[in-house]
PDB file of N, CA and C in Angstrom:
ATOM      1  N   MET A   1     -13.264 -39.421 -55.256  1.00  0.00           N
ATOM      2  CA  MET A   1     -13.926 -38.962 -53.541  1.00  0.00           C
ATOM      3  C   MET A   1     -13.785 -40.323 -53.626  1.00  0.00           C
ATOM      4  N   LYS A   2     -14.213 -41.698 -54.164  1.00  0.00           N
ATOM      5  CA  LYS A   2     -13.577 -42.629 -53.904  1.00  0.00           C
ATOM      6  C   LYS A   2     -12.610 -43.562 -53.202  1.00  0.00           C
ATOM      7  N   VAL A   3     -11.422 -42.982 -53.921  1.00  0.00           N
ATOM      8  CA  VAL A   3     -10.358 -43.293 -53.540  1.00  0.00           C
ATOM      9  C   VAL A   3     -10.134 -42.972 -52.021  1.00  0.00           C
ATOM     10  N   ILE A   4     -10.119 -41.745 -51.935  1.00  0.00           N
ATOM     11  CA  ILE A   4     -10.316 -41.282 -50.091  1.00  0.00           C
ATOM     12  C   ILE A   4     -10.939 -42.374 -49.095  1.00  0.00           C
ATOM     13  N   PHE A   5     -12.205 -42.787 -49.364  1.00  0.00           N
ATOM     14  CA  PHE A   5     -12.532 -43.049 -48.796  1.00  0.00           C
ATOM     15  C   PHE A   5     -12.280 -45.224 -48.694  1.00  0.00           C
ATOM     16  N   PHE A   6     -11.714 -45.052 -49.587  1.00  0.00           N
ATOM     17  CA  PHE A   6     -10.981 -46.510 -49.554  1.00  0.00           C
ATOM     18  C   PHE A   6      -9.539 -46.206 -48.708  1.00  0.00           C
ATOM     19  N   LEU A   7      -8.510 -45.360 -48.504  1.00  0.00           N
ATOM     20  CA  LEU A   7      -7.480 -45.515 -47.414  1.00  0.00           C
ATOM     21  C   LEU A   7      -7.482 -45.116 -46.973  1.00  0.00           C
ATOM     22  N   ILE A   8      -8.524 -44.378 -47.192  1.00  0.00           N
ATOM     23  CA  ILE A   8      -9.619 -44.309 -44.888  1.00  0.00           C
ATOM     24  C   ILE A   8      -9.654 -45.655 -44.565  1.00  0.00           C
ATOM     25  N   LEU A   9     -10.695 -46.450 -44.994  1.00  0.00           N
ATOM     26  CA  LEU A   9     -11.222 -47.726 -44.460  1.00  0.00           C
ATOM     27  C   LEU A   9     -10.191 -49.029 -45.057  1.00  0.00           C
ATOM     28  N   LEU A  10      -9.107 -48.590 -45.647  1.00  0.00           N
ATOM     29  CA  LEU A  10      -7.360 -48.837 -45.480  1.00  0.00           C
ATOM     30  C   LEU A  10      -6.796 -49.186 -44.538  1.00  0.00           C
ATOM     31  N   SER A  11      -6.824 -47.714 -43.954  1.00  0.00           N
ATOM     32  CA  SER A  11      -5.894 -47.113 -43.045  1.00  0.00           C
ATOM     33  C   SER A  11      -6.728 -47.934 -41.335  1.00  0.00           C
ATOM     34  N   LEU A  12      -7.974 -47.542 -41.514  1.00  0.00           N
ATOM     35  CA  LEU A  12      -9.022 -48.844 -40.326  1.00  0.00           C
ATOM     36  C   LEU A  12      -8.611 -49.594 -39.759  1.00  0.00           C
ATOM     37  N   LEU A  13      -8.648 -50.590 -41.961  1.00  0.00           N
ATOM     38  CA  LEU A  13      -8.861 -52.142 -40.803  1.00  0.00           C
ATOM     39  C   LEU A  13      -6.382 -52.082 -40.509  1.00  0.00           C
ATOM     40  N   VAL A  14      -5.919 -51.220 -41.363  1.00  0.00           N
ATOM     41  CA  VAL A  14      -4.559 -51.659 -40.820  1.00  0.00           C
ATOM     42  C   VAL A  14      -4.465 -51.735 -39.787  1.00  0.00           C
ATOM     43  N   ALA A  15      -4.760 -50.365 -38.797  1.00  0.00           N
ATOM     44  CA  ALA A  15      -5.262 -49.770 -37.189  1.00  0.00           C
ATOM     45  C   ALA A  15      -5.474 -51.124 -36.443  1.00  0.00           C
ATOM     46  N   VAL A  16      -6.952 -51.523 -36.695  1.00  0.00           N
ATOM     47  CA  VAL A  16      -7.641 -52.953 -36.656  1.00  0.00           C
ATOM     48  C   VAL A  16      -6.750 -53.814 -35.875  1.00  0.00           C
ATOM     49  N   GLY A  17      -6.172 -54.191 -37.576  1.00  0.00           N
ATOM     50  CA  GLY A  17      -5.167 -55.450 -37.169  1.00  0.00           C
ATOM     51  C   GLY A  17      -3.754 -54.883 -35.770  1.00  0.00           C
ATOM     52  N   PHE A  18      -3.402 -53.358 -35.733  1.00  0.00           N
ATOM     53  CA  PHE A  18      -2.368 -53.366 -35.112  1.00  0.00           C
ATOM     54  C   PHE A  18      -3.061 -53.685 -33.727  1.00  0.00           C
ATOM     55  N   LEU A  19      -4.020 -52.939 -33.354  1.00  0.00           N
ATOM     56  CA  LEU A  19      -4.341 -53.211 -31.963  1.00  0.00           C
ATOM     57  C   LEU A  19      -5.019 -55.007 -31.632  1.00  0.00           C
ATOM     58  N   ALA A  20      -5.254 -55.805 -32.720  1.00  0.00           N
ATOM     59  CA  ALA A  20      -5.407 -57.687 -32.183  1.00  0.00           C
ATOM     60  C   ALA A  20      -4.285 -58.189 -32.427  1.00  0.00           C
ATOM     61  N   ALA A  21      -3.438 -57.855 -32.676  1.00  0.00           N
ATOM     62  CA  ALA A  21      -1.752 -58.141 -32.154  1.00  0.00           C
ATOM     63  C   ALA A  21      -0.839 -57.507 -31.410  1.00  0.00           C
ATOM     64  N   PHE A  22      -1.475 -56.598 -30.628  1.00  0.00           N
ATOM     65  CA  PHE A  22      -1.114 -55.862 -29.459  1.00  0.00           C
ATOM     66  C   PHE A  22      -1.746 -56.501 -28.506  1.00  0.00           C
ATOM     67  N   PHE A  23      -2.792 -56.784 -28.324  1.00  0.00           N
ATOM     68  CA  PHE A  23      -3.363 -57.208 -27.426  1.00  0.00           C
ATOM     69  C   PHE A  23      -3.649 -59.109 -27.669  1.00  0.00           C
ATOM     70  N   TRP A  24      -3.205 -59.594 -28.578  1.00  0.00           N
ATOM     71  CA  TRP A  24      -2.598 -60.917 -28.486  1.00  0.00           C
ATOM     72  C   TRP A  24      -1.376 -61.389 -27.926  1.00  0.00           C
ATOM     73  N   ALA A  25      -0.330 -60.105 -27.502  1.00  0.00           N
ATOM     74  CA  ALA A  25       1.252 -60.036 -27.089  1.00  0.00           C
ATOM     75  C   ALA A  25       1.037 -59.791 -25.645  1.00  0.00           C
ATOM     76  N   VAL A  26      -0.876 -59.115 -25.610  1.00  0.00           N
ATOM     77  CA  VAL A  26      -0.483 -58.280 -23.105  1.00  0.00           C
ATOM     78  C   VAL A  26      -0.628 -60.496 -23.279  1.00  0.00           C
ATOM     79  N   ARG A  27      -1.903 -60.928 -24.745  1.00  0.00           N
ATOM     80  CA  ARG A  27      -2.776 -61.690 -23.377  1.00  0.00           C
ATOM     81  C   ARG A  27      -2.011 -62.498 -23.432  1.00  0.00           C
ATOM     82  N   SER A  28      -0.548 -63.288 -23.839  1.00  0.00           N
ATOM     83  CA  SER A  28      -0.044 -64.094 -25.185  1.00  0.00           C
ATOM     84  C   SER A  28       1.303 -64.003 -23.586  1.00  0.00           C
ATOM     85  N   GLY A  29       1.788 -63.161 -23.107  1.00  0.00           N
ATOM     86  CA  GLY A  29       2.320 -62.671 -21.383  1.00  0.00           C
ATOM     87  C   GLY A  29       3.640 -62.318 -21.997  1.00  0.00           C
ATOM     88  N   GLN A  30       3.965 -60.983 -23.436  1.00  0.00           N
ATOM     89  CA  GLN A  30       5.403 -60.964 -23.668  1.00  0.00           C
ATOM     90  C   GLN A  30       5.076 -59.226 -23.272  1.00  0.00           C
ATOM     91  N   TYR A  31       4.799 -59.387 -22.422  1.00  0.00           N
ATOM     92  CA  TYR A  31       5.262 -58.468 -21.317  1.00  0.00           C
ATOM     93  C   TYR A  31       4.791 -58.692 -19.518  1.00  0.00           C
ATOM     94  N   ASP A  32       4.680 -59.514 -19.322  1.00  0.00           N
ATOM     95  CA  ASP A  32       5.005 -59.913 -18.451  1.00  0.00           C
ATOM     96  C   ASP A  32       6.001 -59.876 -17.267  1.00  0.00           C
ATOM     97  N   ASP A  33       6.958 -59.418 -17.628  1.00  0.00           N
ATOM     98  CA  ASP A  33       8.875 -59.888 -16.881  1.00  0.00           C
ATOM     99  C   ASP A  33       8.882 -57.829 -16.906  1.00  0.00           C
ATOM    100  N   GLU A  34       8.761 -56.881 -15.820  1.00  0.00           N
ATOM    101  CA  GLU A  34       9.302 -56.090 -15.778  1.00  0.00           C
ATOM    102  C   GLU A  34      10.375 -56.046 -14.835  1.00  0.00           C
ATOM    103  N   TYR A  35      10.983 -56.860 -14.108  1.00  0.00           N
ATOM    104  CA  TYR A  35      12.477 -57.130 -13.901  1.00  0.00           C
ATOM    105  C   TYR A  35      13.216 -56.630 -14.127  1.00  0.00           C
ATOM    106  N   THR A  36      13.703 -57.638 -14.721  1.00  0.00           N
ATOM    107  CA  THR A  36      14.310 -57.966 -15.024  1.00  0.00           C
ATOM    108  C   THR A  36      14.676 -56.941 -15.939  1.00  0.00           C
ATOM    109  N   PRO A  37      15.056 -56.223 -17.429  1.00  0.00           N
ATOM    110  CA  PRO A  37      15.250 -55.189 -17.770  1.00  0.00           C
ATOM    111  C   PRO A  37      15.447 -54.135 -17.518  1.00  0.00           C
ATOM    112  N   SER A  38      15.031 -53.619 -15.676  1.00  0.00           N
ATOM    113  CA  SER A  38      15.865 -52.958 -15.541  1.00  0.00           C
ATOM    114  C   SER A  38      17.463 -52.881 -14.788  1.00  0.00           C
ATOM    115  N   VAL A  39      17.058 -54.397 -14.902  1.00  0.00           N
ATOM    116  CA  VAL A  39      18.579 -54.663 -13.185  1.00  0.00           C
ATOM    117  C   VAL A  39      19.341 -55.799 -13.798  1.00  0.00           C
ATOM    118  N   ARG A  40      19.491 -55.666 -15.456  1.00  0.00           N
ATOM    119  CA  ARG A  40      20.522 -56.761 -15.886  1.00  0.00           C
ATOM    120  C   ARG A  40      21.459 -56.116 -16.462  1.00  0.00           C
ATOM    121  N   MET A  41      21.356 -54.988 -16.565  1.00  0.00           N
ATOM    122  CA  MET A  41      23.043 -54.224 -16.467  1.00  0.00           C
ATOM    123  C   MET A  41      23.685 -53.557 -15.533  1.00  0.00           C
ATOM    124  N   LEU A  42      22.516 -54.223 -14.307  1.00  0.00           N
ATOM    125  CA  LEU A  42      23.756 -54.084 -12.978  1.00  0.00           C
ATOM    126  C   LEU A  42      24.698 -55.346 -12.960  1.00  0.00           C
ATOM    127  N   PHE A  43      24.102 -56.516 -13.473  1.00  0.00           N
ATOM    128  CA  PHE A  43      24.555 -57.347 -12.933  1.00  0.00           C
ATOM    129  C   PHE A  43      26.401 -57.700 -14.005  1.00  0.00           C
ATOM    130  N   ASP A  44      26.637 -58.341 -12.853  1.00  0.00           N
ATOM    131  CA  ASP A  44      28.518 -58.146 -13.935  1.00  0.00           C
ATOM    132  C   ASP A  44      28.211 -59.732 -14.661  1.00  0.00           C
ATOM    133  N   ASP A  45      28.632 -59.688 -15.346  1.00  0.00           N
ATOM    134  CA  ASP A  45      28.940 -60.893 -16.728  1.00  0.00           C
ATOM    135  C   ASP A  45      30.152 -61.801 -15.876  1.00  0.00           C
ATOM    136  N   GLN A  46      29.679 -63.028 -16.848  1.00  0.00           N
ATOM    137  CA  GLN A  46      30.403 -63.741 -15.714  1.00  0.00           C
ATOM    138  C   GLN A  46      30.647 -64.699 -17.219  1.00  0.00           C
ATOM    139  N   THR A  47      33.016 -64.731 -16.474  1.00  0.00           N
ATOM    140  CA  THR A  47      33.355 -64.315 -17.592  1.00  0.00           C
ATOM    141  C   THR A  47      34.622 -65.572 -17.045  1.00  0.00           C
ATOM    142  N   LYS A  48      34.305 -66.717 -17.575  1.00  0.00           N
ATOM    143  CA  LYS A  48      35.811 -67.596 -17.448  1.00  0.00           C
ATOM    144  C   LYS A  48      37.081 -66.696 -17.184  1.00  0.00           C
ATOM    145  N   ASP A  49      37.951 -66.506 -16.523  1.00  0.00           N
ATOM    146  CA  ASP A  49      38.969 -65.468 -16.967  1.00  0.00           C
ATOM    147  C   ASP A  49      40.287 -66.472 -16.734  1.00  0.00           C
ATOM    148  N   ASN A  50      40.914 -67.476 -16.914  1.00  0.00           N
ATOM    149  CA  ASN A  50      42.288 -68.160 -16.680  1.00  0.00           C
ATOM    150  C   ASN A  50      43.630 -67.633 -15.980  1.00  0.00           C
ATOM    151  N   ASN A  51      43.631 -66.731 -16.288  1.00  0.00           N
ATOM    152  CA  ASN A  51      45.203 -65.370 -16.645  1.00  0.00           C
ATOM    153  C   ASN A  51      44.902 -65.130 -15.285  1.00  0.00           C
ATOM    154  N   GLN A  52      44.089 -65.186 -14.220  1.00  0.00           N
ATOM    155  CA  GLN A  52      43.965 -64.879 -12.576  1.00  0.00           C
ATOM    156  C   GLN A  52      45.318 -65.763 -11.947  1.00  0.00           C
ATOM    157  N   LEU A  53      45.502 -65.429 -11.439  1.00  0.00           N
ATOM    158  CA  LEU A  53      46.074 -65.545 -10.062  1.00  0.00           C
ATOM    159  C   LEU A  53      45.932 -65.687  -8.646  1.00  0.00           C
TER     160      LEU A  53
END
Protein backbone atom coordinates (compact mmCIF):
# COMPACT_ATOMS: atom_id res chain seq x y z
CA MET A 1 0.00 0.00 0.00
CA LYS A 2 2.92 2.32 0.70
CA VAL A 3 4.19 1.79 -2.83
CA ILE A 4 0.89 3.00 -4.31
CA PHE A 5 0.99 6.19 -2.26
CA PHE A 6 4.62 6.74 -3.23
CA LEU A 7 3.82 6.30 -6.94
CA ILE A 8 0.84 8.65 -6.72
CA LEU A 9 2.98 11.27 -4.99
CA LEU A 10 5.74 10.80 -7.55
CA SER A 11 3.32 11.14 -10.47
CA LEU A 12 1.86 14.31 -8.97
CA LEU A 13 5.33 15.79 -8.60
CA VAL A 14 6.15 14.97 -12.22
CA ALA A 15 2.84 16.50 -13.37
CA VAL A 16 3.51 19.68 -11.40
CA GLY A 17 6.99 19.82 -12.93
CA PHE A 18 5.59 19.59 -16.46
CA LEU A 19 2.96 22.22 -15.64
CA ALA A 20 5.65 24.56 -14.32
CA ALA A 21 7.75 24.00 -17.46
CA PHE A 22 4.72 24.78 -19.62
CA PHE A 23 3.99 28.03 -17.77
CA TRP A 24 7.67 28.98 -18.02
CA ALA A 25 7.61 28.39 -21.78
CA VAL A 26 4.48 30.48 -22.21
CA ARG A 27 5.86 33.36 -20.16
CA SER A 28 9.20 33.33 -21.96
CA GLY A 29 7.51 33.75 -25.34
CA GLN A 30 7.83 30.30 -26.87
CA TYR A 31 4.32 30.45 -28.33
CA ASP A 32 4.18 34.09 -29.46
CA ASP A 33 4.57 33.55 -33.21
CA GLU A 34 1.21 32.32 -34.46
CA TYR A 35 1.30 33.69 -38.01
CA THR A 36 4.55 32.51 -39.56
CA PRO A 37 4.16 28.72 -39.25
CA SER A 38 0.78 28.76 -40.96
CA VAL A 39 2.05 30.59 -44.06
CA ARG A 40 5.63 29.33 -44.20
CA MET A 41 4.70 26.59 -46.67
CA LEU A 42 3.27 29.19 -49.04
CA PHE A 43 6.60 31.01 -49.48
CA ASP A 44 8.81 30.02 -52.39
CA ASP A 45 12.30 28.87 -51.63
CA GLN A 46 14.76 31.50 -52.71
CA THR A 47 17.54 29.56 -54.34
CA LYS A 48 20.03 30.94 -56.82
CA ASP A 49 20.05 29.08 -60.11
CA ASN A 50 22.88 30.15 -62.40
CA ASN A 51 21.70 28.00 -65.32
CA GLN A 52 18.62 30.08 -66.14
CA LEU A 53 18.70 32.16 -69.33
